[in-house]
N, C-alpha and C. Protein backbone atom coordinates (compact mmCIF):
# COMPACT_ATOMS: atom_id res chain seq x y z
N ALA A 1 112.87 97.54 84.48
CA ALA A 1 112.79 98.94 84.87
C ALA A 1 111.69 99.10 85.92
N PRO A 2 111.81 100.12 86.75
CA PRO A 2 110.73 100.39 87.70
C PRO A 2 109.41 100.62 86.98
N LEU A 3 108.32 100.31 87.65
CA LEU A 3 106.99 100.39 87.04
C LEU A 3 106.70 101.78 86.50
N ASP A 4 107.00 102.83 87.28
CA ASP A 4 106.67 104.18 86.81
C ASP A 4 107.41 104.52 85.53
N GLU A 5 108.68 104.12 85.42
CA GLU A 5 109.43 104.37 84.19
C GLU A 5 108.83 103.63 83.00
N THR A 6 108.43 102.39 83.23
CA THR A 6 107.83 101.58 82.16
C THR A 6 106.53 102.21 81.67
N LEU A 7 105.68 102.63 82.59
CA LEU A 7 104.41 103.23 82.20
C LEU A 7 104.62 104.55 81.47
N ILE A 8 105.59 105.33 81.90
CA ILE A 8 105.90 106.60 81.20
C ILE A 8 106.43 106.31 79.80
N GLN A 9 107.27 105.30 79.65
CA GLN A 9 107.77 104.93 78.32
C GLN A 9 106.64 104.51 77.40
N ILE A 10 105.68 103.77 77.93
CA ILE A 10 104.54 103.34 77.12
C ILE A 10 103.74 104.57 76.67
N THR A 11 103.48 105.51 77.58
CA THR A 11 102.71 106.69 77.20
C THR A 11 103.47 107.54 76.18
N GLN A 12 104.78 107.64 76.33
CA GLN A 12 105.58 108.41 75.38
C GLN A 12 105.58 107.74 74.00
N MET A 13 105.66 106.42 73.99
CA MET A 13 105.64 105.68 72.72
C MET A 13 104.31 105.91 72.00
N VAL A 14 103.21 105.82 72.73
CA VAL A 14 101.89 106.00 72.12
C VAL A 14 101.74 107.43 71.61
N SER A 15 102.14 108.39 72.42
CA SER A 15 102.02 109.79 72.03
C SER A 15 102.83 110.06 70.76
N SER A 16 104.03 109.53 70.71
CA SER A 16 104.89 109.73 69.54
C SER A 16 104.35 109.00 68.31
N ARG A 17 103.98 107.75 68.49
CA ARG A 17 103.50 106.93 67.36
C ARG A 17 102.23 107.50 66.75
N LEU A 18 101.36 108.04 67.59
CA LEU A 18 100.08 108.55 67.10
C LEU A 18 100.06 110.06 66.88
N GLU A 19 101.21 110.70 67.12
CA GLU A 19 101.28 112.16 67.02
C GLU A 19 100.12 112.80 67.77
N ALA A 20 99.97 112.36 69.02
CA ALA A 20 98.86 112.80 69.85
C ALA A 20 99.23 114.06 70.62
N LEU A 21 98.23 114.70 71.17
CA LEU A 21 98.45 115.86 72.03
C LEU A 21 99.05 115.42 73.36
N GLY A 22 98.78 114.22 73.74
CA GLY A 22 99.31 113.68 74.99
C GLY A 22 98.77 112.29 75.24
N CYS A 23 99.52 111.55 76.03
CA CYS A 23 99.09 110.22 76.43
C CYS A 23 99.45 110.08 77.90
N TRP A 24 98.53 109.54 78.69
CA TRP A 24 98.77 109.37 80.11
C TRP A 24 97.95 108.20 80.63
N CYS A 25 98.33 107.73 81.77
CA CYS A 25 97.54 106.68 82.40
C CYS A 25 97.39 107.00 83.88
N ASP A 26 96.31 106.54 84.40
CA ASP A 26 96.01 106.65 85.83
C ASP A 26 95.86 105.24 86.37
N VAL A 27 96.64 104.93 87.39
CA VAL A 27 96.60 103.60 88.00
C VAL A 27 96.41 103.78 89.50
N ASN A 28 95.30 103.28 89.99
CA ASN A 28 95.00 103.39 91.43
C ASN A 28 95.20 104.82 91.94
N GLY A 29 94.77 105.78 91.14
CA GLY A 29 94.83 107.18 91.56
C GLY A 29 96.17 107.86 91.32
N ILE A 30 97.14 107.17 90.74
CA ILE A 30 98.45 107.77 90.46
C ILE A 30 98.54 108.05 88.96
N HIS A 31 99.01 109.24 88.62
CA HIS A 31 99.05 109.73 87.23
C HIS A 31 100.45 109.52 86.65
N PHE A 32 100.53 108.95 85.45
CA PHE A 32 101.79 108.75 84.74
C PHE A 32 101.64 109.32 83.33
N GLY A 33 102.67 109.97 82.84
CA GLY A 33 102.66 110.48 81.48
C GLY A 33 102.26 111.93 81.41
N ASP A 34 102.05 112.40 80.17
CA ASP A 34 101.75 113.80 79.91
C ASP A 34 100.34 113.97 79.37
N SER A 35 99.51 114.63 80.15
CA SER A 35 98.18 114.97 79.65
C SER A 35 98.26 116.39 79.10
N PRO A 36 97.48 116.69 78.06
CA PRO A 36 97.52 118.04 77.50
C PRO A 36 97.04 119.08 78.52
N VAL A 37 97.51 120.31 78.35
CA VAL A 37 97.13 121.38 79.26
C VAL A 37 95.63 121.53 79.30
N THR A 38 95.01 121.50 78.15
CA THR A 38 93.55 121.57 78.10
C THR A 38 93.04 120.44 77.22
N THR A 39 91.96 119.83 77.64
CA THR A 39 91.37 118.75 76.85
C THR A 39 89.98 119.14 76.35
N GLN A 40 89.66 120.43 76.43
CA GLN A 40 88.32 120.87 76.05
C GLN A 40 87.99 120.59 74.60
N GLN A 41 88.93 120.85 73.68
CA GLN A 41 88.64 120.64 72.26
C GLN A 41 89.31 119.38 71.73
N ALA A 42 89.89 118.60 72.61
CA ALA A 42 90.57 117.38 72.18
C ALA A 42 89.60 116.20 72.14
N HIS A 43 89.92 115.25 71.28
CA HIS A 43 89.20 113.99 71.22
C HIS A 43 90.01 113.00 72.06
N ILE A 44 89.41 112.49 73.11
CA ILE A 44 90.15 111.63 74.04
C ILE A 44 89.61 110.21 73.97
N LEU A 45 90.54 109.28 73.78
CA LEU A 45 90.22 107.85 73.84
C LEU A 45 90.67 107.32 75.19
N HIS A 46 89.91 106.38 75.74
CA HIS A 46 90.25 105.74 77.00
C HIS A 46 90.30 104.24 76.77
N GLU A 47 91.21 103.59 77.45
CA GLU A 47 91.28 102.13 77.41
C GLU A 47 91.50 101.67 78.86
N PRO A 48 90.65 100.77 79.36
CA PRO A 48 90.82 100.34 80.76
C PRO A 48 92.11 99.53 80.95
N LEU A 49 92.68 99.65 82.14
CA LEU A 49 93.82 98.83 82.55
C LEU A 49 93.32 97.87 83.62
N THR A 50 93.68 96.61 83.48
CA THR A 50 93.18 95.59 84.40
C THR A 50 94.33 94.85 85.06
N ASN A 51 94.04 94.26 86.21
CA ASN A 51 95.03 93.43 86.87
C ASN A 51 94.82 91.97 86.46
N GLY A 52 95.57 91.07 87.06
CA GLY A 52 95.49 89.65 86.70
C GLY A 52 94.12 89.05 86.94
N ALA A 53 93.34 89.64 87.83
CA ALA A 53 91.99 89.15 88.11
C ALA A 53 90.95 89.84 87.24
N CYS A 54 91.40 90.55 86.20
CA CYS A 54 90.53 91.26 85.26
C CYS A 54 89.71 92.35 85.94
N GLU A 55 90.22 92.92 87.02
CA GLU A 55 89.56 94.05 87.69
C GLU A 55 90.17 95.33 87.15
N CYS A 56 89.34 96.30 86.88
CA CYS A 56 89.81 97.58 86.38
C CYS A 56 90.56 98.32 87.49
N ILE A 57 91.82 98.68 87.21
CA ILE A 57 92.63 99.40 88.21
C ILE A 57 93.06 100.77 87.70
N GLY A 58 92.61 101.11 86.51
CA GLY A 58 92.97 102.41 85.96
C GLY A 58 92.61 102.48 84.50
N SER A 59 93.19 103.48 83.82
CA SER A 59 92.92 103.61 82.39
C SER A 59 94.06 104.33 81.71
N LEU A 60 94.18 104.05 80.43
CA LEU A 60 95.17 104.69 79.56
C LEU A 60 94.39 105.65 78.66
N HIS A 61 94.87 106.89 78.56
CA HIS A 61 94.18 107.93 77.80
C HIS A 61 95.12 108.48 76.74
N VAL A 62 94.54 108.88 75.62
CA VAL A 62 95.30 109.58 74.59
C VAL A 62 94.39 110.67 74.02
N ALA A 63 94.97 111.86 73.81
CA ALA A 63 94.22 113.01 73.30
C ALA A 63 94.66 113.33 71.89
N PHE A 64 93.69 113.57 71.00
CA PHE A 64 93.94 113.88 69.59
C PHE A 64 93.33 115.24 69.24
N ARG A 65 93.91 115.85 68.20
CA ARG A 65 93.32 117.09 67.68
C ARG A 65 92.04 116.79 66.91
N THR A 66 92.07 115.69 66.17
CA THR A 66 90.90 115.29 65.36
C THR A 66 90.41 113.93 65.84
N ALA A 67 89.25 113.56 65.38
CA ALA A 67 88.67 112.29 65.80
C ALA A 67 89.57 111.13 65.37
N PRO A 68 89.89 110.23 66.29
CA PRO A 68 90.76 109.10 65.96
C PRO A 68 90.02 108.04 65.16
N GLY A 69 90.80 107.29 64.38
CA GLY A 69 90.23 106.20 63.59
C GLY A 69 90.51 104.85 64.24
N ASP A 70 90.21 103.80 63.50
CA ASP A 70 90.38 102.44 64.01
C ASP A 70 91.85 102.13 64.28
N ALA A 71 92.76 102.63 63.44
CA ALA A 71 94.19 102.36 63.64
C ALA A 71 94.67 102.93 64.97
N GLU A 72 94.23 104.12 65.30
CA GLU A 72 94.61 104.75 66.57
C GLU A 72 94.02 103.98 67.75
N LYS A 73 92.80 103.53 67.59
CA LYS A 73 92.16 102.75 68.65
C LYS A 73 92.92 101.44 68.88
N GLU A 74 93.39 100.84 67.80
CA GLU A 74 94.14 99.58 67.91
C GLU A 74 95.47 99.80 68.62
N VAL A 75 96.15 100.88 68.28
CA VAL A 75 97.43 101.19 68.94
C VAL A 75 97.20 101.41 70.43
N LEU A 76 96.17 102.14 70.78
CA LEU A 76 95.86 102.38 72.19
C LEU A 76 95.53 101.07 72.90
N SER A 77 94.79 100.20 72.25
CA SER A 77 94.44 98.91 72.84
C SER A 77 95.70 98.08 73.09
N MET A 78 96.62 98.06 72.12
CA MET A 78 97.87 97.31 72.29
C MET A 78 98.71 97.91 73.41
N ALA A 79 98.75 99.22 73.50
CA ALA A 79 99.51 99.89 74.55
C ALA A 79 98.90 99.57 75.92
N ALA A 80 97.60 99.50 76.00
CA ALA A 80 96.95 99.16 77.27
C ALA A 80 97.31 97.74 77.68
N ARG A 81 97.39 96.82 76.72
CA ARG A 81 97.79 95.45 77.05
C ARG A 81 99.25 95.43 77.53
N MET A 82 100.10 96.27 76.93
CA MET A 82 101.50 96.36 77.40
C MET A 82 101.53 96.89 78.83
N ALA A 83 100.73 97.89 79.12
CA ALA A 83 100.66 98.45 80.48
C ALA A 83 100.13 97.40 81.45
N ASP A 84 99.10 96.64 81.03
CA ASP A 84 98.58 95.55 81.87
C ASP A 84 99.69 94.55 82.20
N LEU A 85 100.47 94.20 81.19
CA LEU A 85 101.58 93.26 81.39
C LEU A 85 102.61 93.83 82.36
N ALA A 86 102.93 95.10 82.22
CA ALA A 86 103.89 95.74 83.13
C ALA A 86 103.34 95.75 84.56
N LEU A 87 102.06 96.04 84.72
CA LEU A 87 101.44 96.04 86.04
C LEU A 87 101.43 94.65 86.65
N ASP A 88 101.09 93.64 85.85
CA ASP A 88 101.09 92.26 86.34
C ASP A 88 102.49 91.81 86.73
N THR A 89 103.47 92.14 85.91
CA THR A 89 104.86 91.77 86.20
C THR A 89 105.33 92.43 87.49
N HIS A 90 104.98 93.70 87.66
CA HIS A 90 105.34 94.41 88.89
C HIS A 90 104.72 93.73 90.11
N LYS A 91 103.45 93.38 90.00
CA LYS A 91 102.76 92.71 91.11
C LYS A 91 103.40 91.36 91.42
N LEU A 92 103.74 90.60 90.39
CA LEU A 92 104.39 89.30 90.59
C LEU A 92 105.75 89.47 91.27
N ASN A 93 106.52 90.48 90.84
CA ASN A 93 107.82 90.74 91.46
C ASN A 93 107.66 91.10 92.93
N GLN A 94 106.67 91.93 93.23
CA GLN A 94 106.42 92.28 94.63
C GLN A 94 106.06 91.04 95.44
N ASP A 95 105.22 90.19 94.88
CA ASP A 95 104.80 88.98 95.57
C ASP A 95 105.98 88.04 95.78
N LEU A 96 106.81 87.86 94.76
CA LEU A 96 107.99 86.99 94.90
C LEU A 96 108.95 87.53 95.94
N HIS A 97 109.15 88.84 95.94
CA HIS A 97 110.03 89.44 96.94
C HIS A 97 109.48 89.20 98.34
N TYR A 98 108.19 89.42 98.52
CA TYR A 98 107.57 89.21 99.83
C TYR A 98 107.74 87.75 100.27
N ARG A 99 107.47 86.83 99.36
CA ARG A 99 107.57 85.41 99.70
C ARG A 99 109.00 85.00 100.01
N SER A 100 109.98 85.69 99.43
CA SER A 100 111.38 85.34 99.70
C SER A 100 111.86 85.92 101.04
N GLU A 101 111.15 86.88 101.58
CA GLU A 101 111.57 87.55 102.81
C GLU A 101 110.72 87.21 104.03
N PHE A 102 109.49 86.74 103.83
CA PHE A 102 108.57 86.57 104.95
C PHE A 102 108.01 85.15 105.02
N ASP A 103 107.71 84.75 106.24
CA ASP A 103 107.02 83.50 106.49
C ASP A 103 105.53 83.76 106.24
N LEU A 104 104.95 83.06 105.31
CA LEU A 104 103.57 83.34 104.92
C LEU A 104 102.56 82.98 106.00
N LEU A 105 102.88 82.02 106.84
CA LEU A 105 101.94 81.62 107.88
C LEU A 105 101.82 82.68 108.97
N THR A 106 102.95 83.21 109.42
CA THR A 106 102.95 84.12 110.57
C THR A 106 103.15 85.58 110.18
N ASP A 107 103.42 85.84 108.92
CA ASP A 107 103.68 87.20 108.43
C ASP A 107 104.81 87.86 109.22
N THR A 108 105.84 87.07 109.49
CA THR A 108 107.06 87.58 110.12
C THR A 108 108.21 87.32 109.15
N GLN A 109 109.34 87.95 109.40
CA GLN A 109 110.50 87.68 108.55
C GLN A 109 110.82 86.19 108.62
N ASN A 110 111.41 85.66 107.55
CA ASN A 110 111.83 84.27 107.56
C ASN A 110 113.31 84.18 107.97
N ARG A 111 113.81 82.98 108.02
CA ARG A 111 115.19 82.74 108.47
C ARG A 111 116.20 83.50 107.61
N PHE A 112 116.02 83.51 106.31
CA PHE A 112 117.00 84.14 105.41
C PHE A 112 117.03 85.65 105.60
N ALA A 113 115.86 86.25 105.70
CA ALA A 113 115.80 87.70 105.93
C ALA A 113 116.39 88.02 107.30
N PHE A 114 116.09 87.18 108.30
CA PHE A 114 116.63 87.42 109.63
C PHE A 114 118.15 87.32 109.64
N GLU A 115 118.71 86.34 108.95
CA GLU A 115 120.17 86.20 108.93
C GLU A 115 120.84 87.44 108.35
N ARG A 116 120.25 88.00 107.30
CA ARG A 116 120.80 89.25 106.73
C ARG A 116 120.68 90.40 107.73
N GLU A 117 119.52 90.47 108.39
CA GLU A 117 119.30 91.52 109.39
C GLU A 117 120.28 91.38 110.55
N LEU A 118 120.51 90.16 110.99
CA LEU A 118 121.44 89.93 112.10
C LEU A 118 122.85 90.35 111.72
N GLU A 119 123.28 89.97 110.52
CA GLU A 119 124.62 90.38 110.05
C GLU A 119 124.74 91.90 110.03
N ALA A 120 123.72 92.59 109.54
CA ALA A 120 123.75 94.05 109.46
C ALA A 120 123.80 94.66 110.86
N ARG A 121 123.05 94.10 111.79
CA ARG A 121 123.05 94.64 113.16
C ARG A 121 124.38 94.39 113.86
N VAL A 122 124.96 93.23 113.64
CA VAL A 122 126.28 92.95 114.21
C VAL A 122 127.30 93.94 113.67
N GLU A 123 127.26 94.18 112.38
CA GLU A 123 128.20 95.13 111.76
C GLU A 123 128.00 96.54 112.30
N ARG A 124 126.74 96.98 112.41
CA ARG A 124 126.47 98.32 112.96
C ARG A 124 126.95 98.43 114.40
N ALA A 125 126.74 97.36 115.18
CA ALA A 125 127.18 97.37 116.57
C ALA A 125 128.71 97.46 116.66
N LYS A 126 129.40 96.76 115.78
CA LYS A 126 130.88 96.84 115.75
C LYS A 126 131.33 98.25 115.41
N GLN A 127 130.73 98.82 114.37
CA GLN A 127 131.15 100.15 113.91
C GLN A 127 130.86 101.23 114.94
N SER A 128 129.77 101.11 115.65
CA SER A 128 129.41 102.15 116.61
C SER A 128 129.78 101.78 118.04
N ASP A 129 130.47 100.65 118.18
CA ASP A 129 130.88 100.17 119.50
C ASP A 129 129.69 100.14 120.46
N SER A 130 128.60 99.55 119.97
CA SER A 130 127.38 99.44 120.77
C SER A 130 126.95 97.97 120.83
N SER A 131 125.82 97.73 121.41
CA SER A 131 125.32 96.36 121.50
C SER A 131 123.84 96.33 121.16
N PHE A 132 123.31 95.13 121.05
CA PHE A 132 121.89 94.93 120.82
C PHE A 132 121.50 93.61 121.47
N GLY A 133 120.22 93.41 121.64
CA GLY A 133 119.75 92.18 122.26
C GLY A 133 119.11 91.25 121.25
N LEU A 134 119.19 89.96 121.54
CA LEU A 134 118.55 88.96 120.70
C LEU A 134 117.84 87.99 121.63
N ILE A 135 116.60 87.73 121.38
CA ILE A 135 115.83 86.79 122.18
C ILE A 135 115.45 85.61 121.29
N TYR A 136 115.73 84.41 121.77
CA TYR A 136 115.37 83.19 121.06
C TYR A 136 114.18 82.57 121.78
N ILE A 137 113.13 82.27 121.03
CA ILE A 137 111.91 81.72 121.61
C ILE A 137 111.60 80.39 120.93
N ASP A 138 111.49 79.35 121.74
CA ASP A 138 111.10 78.02 121.26
C ASP A 138 109.82 77.67 121.99
N LEU A 139 108.73 77.51 121.25
CA LEU A 139 107.44 77.22 121.89
C LEU A 139 107.45 75.80 122.44
N ASN A 140 107.29 75.69 123.73
CA ASN A 140 107.31 74.38 124.39
C ASN A 140 106.08 73.56 124.02
N LYS A 141 106.29 72.27 123.84
CA LYS A 141 105.23 71.28 123.61
C LYS A 141 104.40 71.59 122.36
N PHE A 142 104.99 72.29 121.38
CA PHE A 142 104.26 72.60 120.15
C PHE A 142 103.93 71.32 119.38
N LYS A 143 104.86 70.36 119.39
CA LYS A 143 104.63 69.10 118.68
C LYS A 143 103.37 68.41 119.20
N GLN A 144 103.14 68.50 120.51
CA GLN A 144 101.95 67.89 121.09
C GLN A 144 100.67 68.55 120.58
N VAL A 145 100.70 69.87 120.37
CA VAL A 145 99.54 70.57 119.82
C VAL A 145 99.22 70.02 118.44
N ASN A 146 100.25 69.90 117.60
CA ASN A 146 100.05 69.35 116.25
C ASN A 146 99.55 67.91 116.30
N ASP A 147 100.18 67.10 117.17
CA ASP A 147 99.81 65.68 117.24
C ASP A 147 98.39 65.47 117.78
N GLN A 148 98.01 66.21 118.78
CA GLN A 148 96.71 66.01 119.42
C GLN A 148 95.57 66.71 118.69
N HIS A 149 95.85 67.87 118.10
CA HIS A 149 94.76 68.68 117.54
C HIS A 149 94.85 68.88 116.02
N GLY A 150 95.92 68.46 115.42
CA GLY A 150 96.07 68.59 113.97
C GLY A 150 96.86 69.84 113.57
N HIS A 151 97.34 69.81 112.35
CA HIS A 151 98.20 70.89 111.85
C HIS A 151 97.45 72.21 111.68
N SER A 152 96.15 72.17 111.38
CA SER A 152 95.43 73.43 111.23
C SER A 152 95.34 74.17 112.57
N VAL A 153 95.17 73.45 113.66
CA VAL A 153 95.16 74.08 114.98
C VAL A 153 96.57 74.55 115.31
N GLY A 154 97.57 73.75 114.95
CA GLY A 154 98.96 74.16 115.16
C GLY A 154 99.29 75.44 114.42
N ASP A 155 98.78 75.57 113.19
CA ASP A 155 98.99 76.80 112.43
C ASP A 155 98.35 77.99 113.12
N LEU A 156 97.13 77.81 113.60
CA LEU A 156 96.46 78.90 114.33
C LEU A 156 97.23 79.28 115.59
N TYR A 157 97.78 78.28 116.26
CA TYR A 157 98.58 78.51 117.46
C TYR A 157 99.81 79.36 117.12
N LEU A 158 100.50 79.00 116.04
CA LEU A 158 101.68 79.77 115.61
C LEU A 158 101.29 81.19 115.22
N GLN A 159 100.19 81.34 114.49
CA GLN A 159 99.75 82.68 114.09
C GLN A 159 99.41 83.54 115.30
N ASN A 160 98.73 82.94 116.26
CA ASN A 160 98.36 83.68 117.47
C ASN A 160 99.60 84.06 118.27
N ALA A 161 100.54 83.13 118.41
CA ALA A 161 101.78 83.42 119.14
C ALA A 161 102.55 84.55 118.45
N ALA A 162 102.62 84.50 117.12
CA ALA A 162 103.33 85.55 116.38
C ALA A 162 102.65 86.90 116.56
N GLN A 163 101.32 86.93 116.50
CA GLN A 163 100.59 88.19 116.69
C GLN A 163 100.85 88.77 118.08
N ARG A 164 100.86 87.92 119.07
CA ARG A 164 101.11 88.38 120.43
C ARG A 164 102.52 88.95 120.57
N MET A 165 103.49 88.29 119.93
CA MET A 165 104.87 88.79 119.98
C MET A 165 105.00 90.10 119.21
N LYS A 166 104.32 90.21 118.08
CA LYS A 166 104.38 91.45 117.28
C LYS A 166 103.88 92.64 118.07
N ARG A 167 102.86 92.43 118.86
CA ARG A 167 102.31 93.53 119.65
C ARG A 167 103.30 94.06 120.69
N GLN A 168 104.31 93.28 121.01
CA GLN A 168 105.30 93.69 122.01
C GLN A 168 106.52 94.38 121.38
N LEU A 169 106.60 94.38 120.06
CA LEU A 169 107.77 94.96 119.39
C LEU A 169 107.79 96.47 119.51
N ARG A 170 109.00 96.99 119.64
CA ARG A 170 109.20 98.43 119.62
C ARG A 170 109.63 98.82 118.21
N LEU A 171 109.61 100.11 117.94
CA LEU A 171 110.08 100.61 116.65
C LEU A 171 111.53 100.17 116.47
N GLY A 172 111.82 99.54 115.36
CA GLY A 172 113.18 99.08 115.09
C GLY A 172 113.41 97.63 115.48
N ASP A 173 112.50 97.02 116.25
CA ASP A 173 112.63 95.60 116.60
C ASP A 173 112.21 94.75 115.41
N VAL A 174 112.70 93.53 115.39
CA VAL A 174 112.40 92.59 114.30
C VAL A 174 111.95 91.28 114.92
N LEU A 175 110.95 90.67 114.31
CA LEU A 175 110.51 89.34 114.71
C LEU A 175 110.62 88.44 113.49
N ALA A 176 111.21 87.27 113.70
CA ALA A 176 111.36 86.33 112.60
C ALA A 176 111.04 84.92 113.08
N ARG A 177 110.44 84.16 112.19
CA ARG A 177 110.23 82.72 112.45
C ARG A 177 111.39 82.01 111.77
N VAL A 178 112.21 81.33 112.56
CA VAL A 178 113.42 80.72 112.02
C VAL A 178 113.33 79.21 111.99
N GLY A 179 112.24 78.65 112.49
CA GLY A 179 112.04 77.20 112.49
C GLY A 179 110.56 76.94 112.66
N GLY A 180 110.19 75.68 112.77
CA GLY A 180 108.79 75.31 112.91
C GLY A 180 108.10 76.03 114.03
N ASP A 181 108.70 76.02 115.22
CA ASP A 181 108.12 76.70 116.39
C ASP A 181 109.15 77.59 117.06
N GLU A 182 110.10 78.09 116.27
CA GLU A 182 111.18 78.90 116.81
C GLU A 182 111.11 80.32 116.23
N PHE A 183 111.20 81.29 117.13
CA PHE A 183 111.17 82.69 116.75
C PHE A 183 112.37 83.39 117.37
N VAL A 184 112.83 84.46 116.74
CA VAL A 184 113.86 85.34 117.32
C VAL A 184 113.39 86.77 117.16
């Protein structure tokens, strides 16, 4: 499920299980769940939410009419761990998606993402009876850079070339690395 739905389900579960006035969480400034209209006379428990690097990225809150006991604190702690797991899973999914679509060295689309983009553009051009341009770029003598100066210099060369090409893109243009020293 999407992250926001998962976090809302966790807050609803906690609120229901503990018969609380409300349960909500704040993650990086975004609010999920139901906080009570007023918290002036409520007893509020907080539990930090952390990312995979154990950095605090938010908190899970629950409001009670009366002072909560150890059982309520334990439920909130378990719910916070569930929210942490949901946040970590979401981050991993985002990272996997990015890695499947982009070349990590040049931060450009990879061959697979480009092939999908090309198919979509060809289809749009057919449907609208229009055309589009495609430029193929093969960096000359790149192998010599790697051989003479090493792969780390070759990587810097590719990154610099990609940055220079990115600066020339217009809105709607796409840049992809489709081979070792080949871009489209």
